[in-house]
Amino acid sequence: MAFTGELEFGHDDRRRIYEYVERHGAADLDETCERLGIDPGGFRHHVAILKRDGRLEETDGTLRVALDAGAEEEYVTDDFEFHIRPAIQEDLSGIVGAIRQVVDERTYIVAESVADEVDHQDALLRHNEFESRMFFVATVADEVVGWVHLHAPELDKLAHTAELTVGVIEEYRGRGIGSHLLARGLEWAGANGYEKVYQSVPSTNEEAIVFLEDHGWEIEAVREGHYKLDGAYVDEVMMAIGL
């Protein structure tokens, strides 16, 4: 969900529990209680309230930040099947691997920085007073083959915008996966109050530019010589779509 300003928790221990889980992406219930040094009875009470208020969710003793991102979708043709669903913390390595593979194939500066950031933080999703970060994944036989990522700084002046990256590893392109991922990401952004989604790509990534234009995106500006790739200056193409 999109939000601005300070989150209200009503109790400092409740805030500490949420922030611990959010920072780690996923956290064992008992370990969180022990690490935070909260009385077990009070801890269970605060977790129950955080779950009731839609802040956290629990599966098999693991706590995660609760994000209303919809259900898994299945797409089947005569000889091929893939799924698109909200990502969870356990998808981190698969997403980073998919992004790095796409980056190796084509120049995608923003996506490369996303992979570096989530890998360094060891936390996939973000939902706090400073930023929101959401991922959806495409899977084939439970392996991540593509992603769509949305990131939004929680600043009043920018709260209506989100940055998007999307990609599919090469062997699975041409099957509509990228289009479905993009649509799922934009659907989530629109449902959560964002009015504009944007991204920037080097002008050398012609495939990405054509893909986005085919899906209604427009070029807003071009910054000449913004990137220096292999010793050559390359323009940055800034693209956006209104929701």
C-alpha atoms as a PDB file:
ATOM      1  CA  MET A   1       0.000   0.000   0.000  1.00  0.00           C
ATOM      2  CA  ALA A   2       1.162   3.562  -0.562  1.00  0.00           C
ATOM      3  CA  PHE A   3       1.457   5.732   2.484  1.00  0.00           C
ATOM      4  CA  THR A   4       3.215   8.837   3.691  1.00  0.00           C
ATOM      5  CA  GLY A   5       4.165  10.145   7.085  1.00  0.00           C
ATOM      6  CA  GLU A   6       4.879   8.227  10.247  1.00  0.00           C
ATOM      7  CA  LEU A   7       3.362   4.827  10.839  1.00  0.00           C
ATOM      8  CA  GLU A   8       1.120   4.606  13.892  1.00  0.00           C
ATOM      9  CA  PHE A   9       1.551   1.509  16.059  1.00  0.00           C
ATOM     10  CA  GLY A  10       0.169   2.596  19.421  1.00  0.00           C
ATOM     11  CA  HIS A  11       2.983   0.934  21.374  1.00  0.00           C
ATOM     12  CA  ASP A  12       6.773   1.074  21.154  1.00  0.00           C
ATOM     13  CA  ASP A  13       7.185  -2.719  21.373  1.00  0.00           C
ATOM     14  CA  ARG A  14       4.727  -3.119  18.500  1.00  0.00           C
ATOM     15  CA  ARG A  15       6.812  -0.756  16.409  1.00  0.00           C
ATOM     16  CA  ARG A  16      10.006  -2.619  17.334  1.00  0.00           C
ATOM     17  CA  ILE A  17       8.507  -5.952  16.263  1.00  0.00           C
ATOM     18  CA  TYR A  18       7.324  -4.550  12.929  1.00  0.00           C
ATOM     19  CA  GLU A  19      10.630  -2.828  12.206  1.00  0.00           C
ATOM     20  CA  TYR A  20      12.601  -5.994  13.034  1.00  0.00           C
ATOM     21  CA  VAL A  21      10.520  -8.113  10.666  1.00  0.00           C
ATOM     22  CA  GLU A  22      10.524  -5.445   7.931  1.00  0.00           C
ATOM     23  CA  ARG A  23      14.295  -5.076   8.171  1.00  0.00           C
ATOM     24  CA  HIS A  24      14.917  -8.816   7.897  1.00  0.00           C
ATOM     25  CA  GLY A  25      12.305  -9.613   5.264  1.00  0.00           C
ATOM     26  CA  ALA A  26      11.182 -12.697   7.183  1.00  0.00           C
ATOM     27  CA  ALA A  27      11.713 -13.535  10.852  1.00  0.00           C
ATOM     28  CA  ASP A  28      11.177 -16.585  13.031  1.00  0.00           C
ATOM     29  CA  LEU A  29       8.486 -15.896  15.629  1.00  0.00           C
ATOM     30  CA  ASP A  30      10.366 -17.213  18.669  1.00  0.00           C
ATOM     31  CA  GLU A  31      13.713 -15.782  17.575  1.00  0.00           C
ATOM     32  CA  THR A  32      12.171 -12.330  17.122  1.00  0.00           C
ATOM     33  CA  CYS A  33      10.760 -12.434  20.627  1.00  0.00           C
ATOM     34  CA  GLU A  34      14.127 -13.487  22.053  1.00  0.00           C
ATOM     35  CA  ARG A  35      16.173 -10.964  20.055  1.00  0.00           C
ATOM     36  CA  LEU A  36      13.943  -8.066  21.065  1.00  0.00           C
ATOM     37  CA  GLY A  37      13.800  -9.125  24.708  1.00  0.00           C
ATOM     38  CA  ILE A  38      10.040  -8.713  24.985  1.00  0.00           C
ATOM     39  CA  ASP A  39       8.007 -10.698  27.499  1.00  0.00           C
ATOM     40  CA  PRO A  40       6.512 -13.668  25.588  1.00  0.00           C
ATOM     41  CA  GLY A  41       2.968 -12.891  26.696  1.00  0.00           C
ATOM     42  CA  GLY A  42       3.230  -9.273  25.640  1.00  0.00           C
ATOM     43  CA  PHE A  43       4.994 -10.284  22.435  1.00  0.00           C
ATOM     44  CA  ARG A  44       2.157 -12.605  21.389  1.00  0.00           C
ATOM     45  CA  HIS A  45      -0.348  -9.868  22.184  1.00  0.00           C
ATOM     46  CA  HIS A  46       1.484  -7.307  20.019  1.00  0.00           C
ATOM     47  CA  VAL A  47       1.922  -9.775  17.150  1.00  0.00           C
ATOM     48  CA  ALA A  48      -1.807 -10.546  17.264  1.00  0.00           C
ATOM     49  CA  ILE A  49      -2.608  -6.829  16.971  1.00  0.00           C
ATOM     50  CA  LEU A  50      -0.112  -6.365  14.124  1.00  0.00           C
ATOM     51  CA  LYS A  51      -1.730  -9.285  12.295  1.00  0.00           C
ATOM     52  CA  ARG A  52      -5.227  -7.977  13.022  1.00  0.00           C
ATOM     53  CA  ASP A  53      -4.295  -4.541  11.666  1.00  0.00           C
ATOM     54  CA  GLY A  54      -2.820  -6.037   8.492  1.00  0.00           C
ATOM     55  CA  ARG A  55       0.767  -5.080   9.308  1.00  0.00           C
ATOM     56  CA  LEU A  56       2.225  -8.586   9.631  1.00  0.00           C
ATOM     57  CA  GLU A  57       1.308 -12.073   8.504  1.00  0.00           C
ATOM     58  CA  GLU A  58       2.466 -15.404   9.903  1.00  0.00           C
ATOM     59  CA  THR A  59       3.060 -18.697   8.099  1.00  0.00           C
ATOM     60  CA  ASP A  60       4.430 -21.751   9.911  1.00  0.00           C
ATOM     61  CA  GLY A  61       6.024 -19.621  12.629  1.00  0.00           C
ATOM     62  CA  THR A  62       7.574 -17.118  10.213  1.00  0.00           C
ATOM     63  CA  LEU A  63       6.581 -13.455  10.322  1.00  0.00           C
ATOM     64  CA  ARG A  64       6.530 -11.261   7.209  1.00  0.00           C
ATOM     65  CA  VAL A  65       5.284  -7.789   6.400  1.00  0.00           C
ATOM     66  CA  ALA A  66       1.730  -8.083   5.079  1.00  0.00           C
ATOM     67  CA  LEU A  67       1.247  -6.513   1.666  1.00  0.00           C
ATOM     68  CA  ASP A  68      -2.083  -6.839  -0.105  1.00  0.00           C
ATOM     69  CA  ALA A  69      -0.775  -7.880  -3.498  1.00  0.00           C
ATOM     70  CA  GLY A  70      -3.345 -10.363  -4.761  1.00  0.00           C
ATOM     71  CA  ALA A  71      -3.170 -14.058  -5.554  1.00  0.00           C
ATOM     72  CA  GLU A  72      -1.004 -16.219  -7.762  1.00  0.00           C
ATOM     73  CA  GLU A  73      -2.024 -16.300 -11.430  1.00  0.00           C
ATOM     74  CA  GLU A  74      -1.543 -19.289 -13.724  1.00  0.00           C
ATOM     75  CA  TYR A  75      -1.048 -19.050 -17.492  1.00  0.00           C
ATOM     76  CA  VAL A  76      -1.178 -22.206 -19.602  1.00  0.00           C
ATOM     77  CA  THR A  77      -0.756 -22.837 -23.328  1.00  0.00           C
ATOM     78  CA  ASP A  78      -0.539 -26.153 -25.162  1.00  0.00           C
ATOM     79  CA  ASP A  79       3.124 -26.699 -24.299  1.00  0.00           C
ATOM     80  CA  PHE A  80       3.983 -24.105 -21.662  1.00  0.00           C
ATOM     81  CA  GLU A  81       2.925 -23.019 -18.190  1.00  0.00           C
ATOM     82  CA  PHE A  82       4.054 -20.151 -15.994  1.00  0.00           C
ATOM     83  CA  HIS A  83       2.847 -18.426 -12.843  1.00  0.00           C
ATOM     84  CA  ILE A  84       2.930 -14.832 -11.647  1.00  0.00           C
ATOM     85  CA  ARG A  85       2.635 -14.069  -7.945  1.00  0.00           C
ATOM     86  CA  PRO A  86       3.720 -11.639  -5.255  1.00  0.00           C
ATOM     87  CA  ALA A  87       7.313 -12.290  -4.248  1.00  0.00           C
ATOM     88  CA  ILE A  88       8.296 -13.393  -0.764  1.00  0.00           C
ATOM     89  CA  GLN A  89      11.617 -13.126   1.047  1.00  0.00           C
ATOM     90  CA  GLU A  90      12.603 -16.647  -0.024  1.00  0.00           C
ATOM     91  CA  ASP A  91      12.580 -15.471  -3.674  1.00  0.00           C
ATOM     92  CA  LEU A  92      15.466 -13.053  -3.060  1.00  0.00           C
ATOM     93  CA  SER A  93      18.251 -15.184  -4.516  1.00  0.00           C
ATOM     94  CA  GLY A  94      16.133 -16.170  -7.517  1.00  0.00           C
ATOM     95  CA  ILE A  95      15.233 -12.562  -8.265  1.00  0.00           C
ATOM     96  CA  VAL A  96      18.812 -11.342  -7.902  1.00  0.00           C
ATOM     97  CA  GLY A  97      19.969 -14.162 -10.178  1.00  0.00           C
ATOM     98  CA  ALA A  98      17.355 -13.331 -12.818  1.00  0.00           C
ATOM     99  CA  ILE A  99      18.183  -9.616 -12.723  1.00  0.00           C
ATOM    100  CA  ARG A 100      21.929 -10.267 -13.016  1.00  0.00           C
ATOM    101  CA  GLN A 101      21.342 -12.594 -15.967  1.00  0.00           C
ATOM    102  CA  VAL A 102      19.271  -9.944 -17.770  1.00  0.00           C
ATOM    103  CA  VAL A 103      21.849  -7.277 -16.929  1.00  0.00           C
ATOM    104  CA  ASP A 104      24.610  -9.467 -18.399  1.00  0.00           C
ATOM    105  CA  GLU A 105      22.610  -9.785 -21.626  1.00  0.00           C
ATOM    106  CA  ARG A 106      21.593  -6.128 -21.937  1.00  0.00           C
ATOM    107  CA  THR A 107      22.435  -2.806 -20.387  1.00  0.00           C
ATOM    108  CA  TYR A 108      19.944  -2.130 -17.589  1.00  0.00           C
ATOM    109  CA  ILE A 109      21.513   0.265 -15.088  1.00  0.00           C
ATOM    110  CA  VAL A 110      18.535   0.710 -12.749  1.00  0.00           C
ATOM    111  CA  ALA A 111      17.836  -3.021 -12.511  1.00  0.00           C
ATOM    112  CA  GLU A 112      21.492  -3.671 -11.741  1.00  0.00           C
ATOM    113  CA  SER A 113      21.353  -1.210  -8.842  1.00  0.00           C
ATOM    114  CA  VAL A 114      18.148  -2.885  -7.577  1.00  0.00           C
ATOM    115  CA  ALA A 115      19.885  -6.279  -7.507  1.00  0.00           C
ATOM    116  CA  ASP A 116      22.860  -4.806  -5.654  1.00  0.00           C
ATOM    117  CA  GLU A 117      20.614  -3.117  -3.093  1.00  0.00           C
ATOM    118  CA  VAL A 118      18.401  -6.086  -2.201  1.00  0.00           C
ATOM    119  CA  ASP A 119      21.400  -8.409  -2.163  1.00  0.00           C
ATOM    120  CA  HIS A 120      23.256  -6.082   0.204  1.00  0.00           C
ATOM    121  CA  GLN A 121      20.266  -5.529   2.481  1.00  0.00           C
ATOM    122  CA  ASP A 122      19.286  -9.232   2.365  1.00  0.00           C
ATOM    123  CA  ALA A 123      15.659  -8.088   2.440  1.00  0.00           C
ATOM    124  CA  LEU A 124      13.390  -8.152  -0.579  1.00  0.00           C
ATOM    125  CA  LEU A 125      10.322  -6.089   0.311  1.00  0.00           C
ATOM    126  CA  ARG A 126      10.212  -2.697   2.023  1.00  0.00           C
ATOM    127  CA  HIS A 127       7.263  -0.955   3.639  1.00  0.00           C
ATOM    128  CA  ASN A 128       8.232   1.760   6.111  1.00  0.00           C
ATOM    129  CA  GLU A 129       8.085   5.521   6.629  1.00  0.00           C
ATOM    130  CA  PHE A 130      10.862   6.117   4.096  1.00  0.00           C
ATOM    131  CA  GLU A 131      10.187   3.801   1.179  1.00  0.00           C
ATOM    132  CA  SER A 132       7.971   1.097  -0.284  1.00  0.00           C
ATOM    133  CA  ARG A 133       9.407  -1.710  -2.416  1.00  0.00           C
ATOM    134  CA  MET A 134       7.322  -4.434  -4.035  1.00  0.00           C
ATOM    135  CA  PHE A 135       8.202  -7.369  -6.290  1.00  0.00           C
ATOM    136  CA  PHE A 136       6.188  -9.804  -8.351  1.00  0.00           C
ATOM    137  CA  VAL A 137       7.830 -12.850  -9.910  1.00  0.00           C
ATOM    138  CA  ALA A 138       7.179 -15.088 -12.878  1.00  0.00           C
ATOM    139  CA  THR A 139       8.043 -18.728 -12.252  1.00  0.00           C
ATOM    140  CA  VAL A 140       8.380 -21.814 -14.421  1.00  0.00           C
ATOM    141  CA  ALA A 141       8.525 -25.096 -12.492  1.00  0.00           C
ATOM    142  CA  ASP A 142       8.988 -23.004  -9.316  1.00  0.00           C
ATOM    143  CA  GLU A 143      12.101 -21.276 -10.703  1.00  0.00           C
ATOM    144  CA  VAL A 144      12.135 -17.471 -11.004  1.00  0.00           C
ATOM    145  CA  VAL A 145      12.415 -16.517 -14.673  1.00  0.00           C
ATOM    146  CA  GLY A 146      11.273 -12.874 -14.510  1.00  0.00           C
ATOM    147  CA  TRP A 147      10.360 -10.051 -12.183  1.00  0.00           C
ATOM    148  CA  VAL A 148       8.650  -6.698 -11.938  1.00  0.00           C
ATOM    149  CA  HIS A 149       9.787  -4.328  -9.195  1.00  0.00           C
ATOM    150  CA  LEU A 150       8.265  -1.082  -7.941  1.00  0.00           C
ATOM    151  CA  HIS A 151      10.009   1.327  -5.624  1.00  0.00           C
ATOM    152  CA  ALA A 152       8.605   4.521  -4.139  1.00  0.00           C
ATOM    153  CA  PRO A 153      10.195   6.989  -1.729  1.00  0.00           C
ATOM    154  CA  GLU A 154       7.662   7.989   0.911  1.00  0.00           C
ATOM    155  CA  LEU A 155       7.986  11.745   0.428  1.00  0.00           C
ATOM    156  CA  ASP A 156       4.913  13.944   0.158  1.00  0.00           C
ATOM    157  CA  LYS A 157       6.067  15.544  -3.081  1.00  0.00           C
ATOM    158  CA  LEU A 158       6.791  12.162  -4.731  1.00  0.00           C
ATOM    159  CA  ALA A 159       4.232   9.901  -3.051  1.00  0.00           C
ATOM    160  CA  HIS A 160       2.182   9.687  -6.253  1.00  0.00           C
ATOM    161  CA  THR A 161       5.073   8.199  -8.271  1.00  0.00           C
ATOM    162  CA  ALA A 162       6.886   4.867  -8.349  1.00  0.00           C
ATOM    163  CA  GLU A 163       9.896   3.581 -10.270  1.00  0.00           C
ATOM    164  CA  LEU A 164       9.546   0.266 -12.083  1.00  0.00           C
ATOM    165  CA  THR A 165      11.907  -2.325 -13.496  1.00  0.00           C
ATOM    166  CA  VAL A 166      10.840  -5.465 -15.336  1.00  0.00           C
ATOM    167  CA  GLY A 167      12.681  -8.276 -17.054  1.00  0.00           C
ATOM    168  CA  VAL A 168      12.569 -11.889 -18.218  1.00  0.00           C
ATOM    169  CA  ILE A 169      15.578 -14.130 -18.773  1.00  0.00           C
ATOM    170  CA  GLU A 170      16.317 -14.679 -22.440  1.00  0.00           C
ATOM    171  CA  GLU A 171      15.186 -18.281 -22.927  1.00  0.00           C
ATOM    172  CA  TYR A 172      11.651 -17.430 -21.748  1.00  0.00           C
ATOM    173  CA  ARG A 173      11.068 -14.291 -23.796  1.00  0.00           C
ATOM    174  CA  GLY A 174       8.464 -14.127 -26.521  1.00  0.00           C
ATOM    175  CA  ARG A 175       5.837 -15.979 -24.480  1.00  0.00           C
ATOM    176  CA  GLY A 176       4.008 -12.991 -22.996  1.00  0.00           C
ATOM    177  CA  ILE A 177       5.631 -13.232 -19.566  1.00  0.00           C
ATOM    178  CA  GLY A 178       7.029  -9.692 -19.659  1.00  0.00           C
ATOM    179  CA  SER A 179       3.667  -8.234 -20.674  1.00  0.00           C
ATOM    180  CA  HIS A 180       1.859 -10.050 -17.865  1.00  0.00           C
ATOM    181  CA  LEU A 181       4.476  -8.965 -15.321  1.00  0.00           C
ATOM    182  CA  LEU A 182       4.240  -5.353 -16.442  1.00  0.00           C
ATOM    183  CA  ALA A 183       0.443  -5.416 -16.260  1.00  0.00           C
ATOM    184  CA  ARG A 184       0.527  -6.953 -12.770  1.00  0.00           C
ATOM    185  CA  GLY A 185       2.966  -4.323 -11.531  1.00  0.00           C
ATOM    186  CA  LEU A 186       0.953  -1.434 -12.950  1.00  0.00           C
ATOM    187  CA  GLU A 187      -2.282  -2.902 -11.582  1.00  0.00           C
ATOM    188  CA  TRP A 188      -0.756  -3.012  -8.086  1.00  0.00           C
ATOM    189  CA  ALA A 189       0.588   0.524  -8.416  1.00  0.00           C
ATOM    190  CA  GLY A 190      -2.774   1.889  -9.505  1.00  0.00           C
ATOM    191  CA  ALA A 191      -4.627   0.057  -6.735  1.00  0.00           C
ATOM    192  CA  ASN A 192      -2.252   1.523  -4.148  1.00  0.00           C
ATOM    193  CA  GLY A 193      -2.635   5.150  -5.072  1.00  0.00           C
ATOM    194  CA  TYR A 194       0.261   5.765  -7.431  1.00  0.00           C
ATOM    195  CA  GLU A 195      -0.581   8.032 -10.343  1.00  0.00           C
ATOM    196  CA  LYS A 196       2.581   7.767 -12.420  1.00  0.00           C
ATOM    197  CA  VAL A 197       5.182   5.040 -12.943  1.00  0.00           C
ATOM    198  CA  TYR A 198       8.539   5.725 -14.535  1.00  0.00           C
ATOM    199  CA  GLN A 199      11.880   4.196 -15.401  1.00  0.00           C
ATOM    200  CA  SER A 200      15.062   5.069 -17.245  1.00  0.00           C
ATOM    201  CA  VAL A 201      17.083   2.940 -19.644  1.00  0.00           C
ATOM    202  CA  PRO A 202      20.198   3.563 -21.743  1.00  0.00           C
ATOM    203  CA  SER A 203      19.426   4.388 -25.359  1.00  0.00           C
ATOM    204  CA  THR A 204      21.389   1.290 -26.385  1.00  0.00           C
ATOM    205  CA  ASN A 205      18.705  -0.931 -24.813  1.00  0.00           C
ATOM    206  CA  GLU A 206      16.422  -0.561 -27.821  1.00  0.00           C
ATOM    207  CA  GLU A 207      14.449  -3.712 -27.022  1.00  0.00           C
ATOM    208  CA  ALA A 208      13.339  -2.308 -23.651  1.00  0.00           C
ATOM    209  CA  ILE A 209      12.355   1.034 -25.180  1.00  0.00           C
ATOM    210  CA  VAL A 210      10.267  -0.616 -27.902  1.00  0.00           C
ATOM    211  CA  PHE A 211       8.662  -2.975 -25.366  1.00  0.00           C
ATOM    212  CA  LEU A 212       7.571  -0.097 -23.139  1.00  0.00           C
ATOM    213  CA  GLU A 213       6.346   2.033 -26.054  1.00  0.00           C
ATOM    214  CA  ASP A 214       4.291  -0.930 -27.295  1.00  0.00           C
ATOM    215  CA  HIS A 215       2.629  -0.973 -23.862  1.00  0.00           C
ATOM    216  CA  GLY A 216       1.692   2.704 -23.843  1.00  0.00           C
ATOM    217  CA  TRP A 217       4.749   4.254 -22.189  1.00  0.00           C
ATOM    218  CA  GLU A 218       6.052   7.564 -23.481  1.00  0.00           C
ATOM    219  CA  ILE A 219       9.512   9.096 -23.624  1.00  0.00           C
ATOM    220  CA  GLU A 220       9.492  12.132 -21.333  1.00  0.00           C
ATOM    221  CA  ALA A 221      13.071  13.258 -21.768  1.00  0.00           C
ATOM    222  CA  VAL A 222      16.514  12.240 -22.947  1.00  0.00           C
ATOM    223  CA  ARG A 223      19.648  13.112 -21.009  1.00  0.00           C
ATOM    224  CA  GLU A 224      22.500  13.146 -23.467  1.00  0.00           C
ATOM    225  CA  GLY A 225      25.667  11.306 -22.527  1.00  0.00           C
ATOM    226  CA  HIS A 226      24.366  10.468 -19.043  1.00  0.00           C
ATOM    227  CA  TYR A 227      25.963   7.006 -18.922  1.00  0.00           C
ATOM    228  CA  LYS A 228      29.513   6.004 -19.746  1.00  0.00           C
ATOM    229  CA  LEU A 229      29.509   2.411 -20.906  1.00  0.00           C
ATOM    230  CA  ASP A 230      32.696   0.695 -22.059  1.00  0.00           C
ATOM    231  CA  GLY A 231      34.289   4.096 -22.532  1.00  0.00           C
ATOM    232  CA  ALA A 232      31.458   5.493 -24.674  1.00  0.00           C
ATOM    233  CA  TYR A 233      28.889   8.085 -23.603  1.00  0.00           C
ATOM    234  CA  VAL A 234      25.294   6.846 -23.894  1.00  0.00           C
ATOM    235  CA  ASP A 235      22.027   8.775 -23.564  1.00  0.00           C
ATOM    236  CA  GLU A 236      19.548   8.058 -20.781  1.00  0.00           C
ATOM    237  CA  VAL A 237      15.966   7.620 -22.020  1.00  0.00           C
ATOM    238  CA  MET A 238      13.459   8.597 -19.336  1.00  0.00           C
ATOM    239  CA  MET A 239      10.062   6.926 -19.825  1.00  0.00           C
ATOM    240  CA  ALA A 240       6.760   7.044 -17.925  1.00  0.00           C
ATOM    241  CA  ILE A 241       3.105   6.036 -17.978  1.00  0.00           C
ATOM    242  CA  GLY A 242       0.145   7.589 -16.184  1.00  0.00           C
ATOM    243  CA  LEU A 243      -2.281   5.414 -14.254  1.00  0.00           C
END
